[in-house]
Amino acid sequence: MASPAVRFCIALSAAALLTALAFGLVPEDLDVRTDIVGYPTYANFNINRYFWAYGFVVGLFPLLTFSIYLGLTRIFGRRGQPREPIPAPL
């Protein structure tokens, strides 16, 4: 019943929500033990959070969008299809 555009918007929104929830689980504080104190250590700045954000946006978000879209297509996309086989051309 749902058009491909509607399924894509639903998949995009769900993937964005799940990616944001997963990124919220990444720790904000820097967790290292070192003798050298630089600005990131002094300011408790976690540079690894940027790498996690990149990985989520480039890897997790598209995979979630694609898999949710395929799942929605499998569930809702087949309805309304003709049950009779299409005759072969003569």
Protein backbone atom coordinates (compact mmCIF):
# COMPACT_ATOMS: atom_id res chain seq x y z
CA MET A 1 0.00 0.00 0.00
CA ALA A 2 2.83 2.40 0.80
CA SER A 3 4.66 3.93 -2.13
CA PRO A 4 8.44 3.54 -2.43
CA ALA A 5 8.92 7.20 -1.45
CA VAL A 6 6.95 6.72 1.77
CA ARG A 7 8.87 3.53 2.60
CA PHE A 8 12.15 5.36 1.94
CA CYS A 9 11.18 8.27 4.22
CA ILE A 10 10.18 5.86 6.99
CA ALA A 11 13.44 3.92 6.58
CA LEU A 12 15.48 7.13 6.57
CA SER A 13 13.79 8.44 9.71
CA ALA A 14 14.10 5.14 11.58
CA ALA A 15 17.76 4.78 10.60
CA ALA A 16 18.50 8.35 11.71
CA LEU A 17 16.82 7.71 15.05
CA LEU A 18 18.68 4.43 15.64
CA THR A 19 22.00 5.99 14.60
CA ALA A 20 21.46 8.91 16.98
CA LEU A 21 20.61 6.51 19.80
CA ALA A 22 23.73 4.46 19.09
CA PHE A 23 25.89 7.59 18.99
CA GLY A 24 24.45 8.63 22.35
CA LEU A 25 26.02 5.52 23.85
CA VAL A 26 29.55 6.64 22.88
CA PRO A 27 31.28 8.12 25.96
CA GLU A 28 31.86 11.86 25.93
CA ASP A 29 34.68 11.88 28.47
CA LEU A 30 38.27 11.00 27.66
CA ASP A 31 39.33 7.78 29.35
CA VAL A 32 43.14 7.52 29.20
CA ARG A 33 46.04 7.29 31.61
CA THR A 34 49.11 9.24 30.54
CA ASP A 35 52.10 11.12 31.91
CA ILE A 36 52.01 13.68 29.11
CA VAL A 37 49.37 16.31 29.68
CA GLY A 38 48.35 18.14 26.54
CA TYR A 39 45.29 20.20 25.83
CA PRO A 40 43.01 17.23 24.99
CA THR A 41 43.96 15.52 28.25
CA TYR A 42 43.66 18.73 30.26
CA ALA A 43 40.28 19.64 28.74
CA ASN A 44 38.99 16.05 28.85
CA PHE A 45 38.42 16.18 25.06
CA ASN A 46 37.65 12.82 23.47
CA ILE A 47 38.91 12.92 19.87
CA ASN A 48 37.79 9.32 19.33
CA ARG A 49 34.18 10.52 19.45
CA TYR A 50 34.71 12.12 16.04
CA PHE A 51 35.89 8.80 14.60
CA TRP A 52 32.84 7.05 16.05
CA ALA A 53 30.58 9.74 14.57
CA TYR A 54 32.19 9.27 11.15
CA GLY A 55 31.78 5.51 11.36
CA PHE A 56 28.14 5.81 12.32
CA VAL A 57 27.32 8.31 9.57
CA VAL A 58 29.27 6.56 6.81
CA GLY A 59 28.73 2.94 7.82
CA LEU A 60 25.83 2.35 10.16
CA PHE A 61 23.34 4.91 8.84
CA PRO A 62 23.32 3.73 5.19
CA LEU A 63 23.24 0.06 6.19
CA LEU A 64 20.32 0.64 8.53
CA THR A 65 18.48 2.69 5.92
CA PHE A 66 18.95 -0.01 3.28
CA SER A 67 17.99 -2.89 5.55
CA ILE A 68 14.91 -1.13 6.95
CA TYR A 69 13.83 -0.18 3.43
CA LEU A 70 14.21 -3.77 2.25
CA GLY A 71 12.28 -5.01 5.27
CA LEU A 72 9.46 -2.55 4.65
CA THR A 73 9.41 -3.49 0.97
CA ARG A 74 9.20 -7.16 1.84
CA ILE A 75 6.36 -6.57 4.30
CA PHE A 76 4.32 -3.86 2.56
CA GLY A 77 5.57 -3.78 -1.03
CA ARG A 78 4.13 -7.10 -2.19
CA ARG A 79 0.54 -6.27 -1.36
CA GLY A 80 -1.59 -5.24 -4.27
CA GLN A 81 0.46 -7.21 -6.79
CA PRO A 82 -1.52 -9.20 -9.36
CA ARG A 83 -1.93 -12.84 -8.42
CA GLU A 84 -2.30 -14.03 -12.00
CA PRO A 85 0.89 -14.72 -13.90
CA ILE A 86 1.61 -12.27 -16.66
CA PRO A 87 1.09 -13.99 -20.02
CA ALA A 88 4.11 -14.45 -22.23
CA PRO A 89 4.27 -12.23 -25.32
CA LEU A 90 3.30 -13.88 -28.61
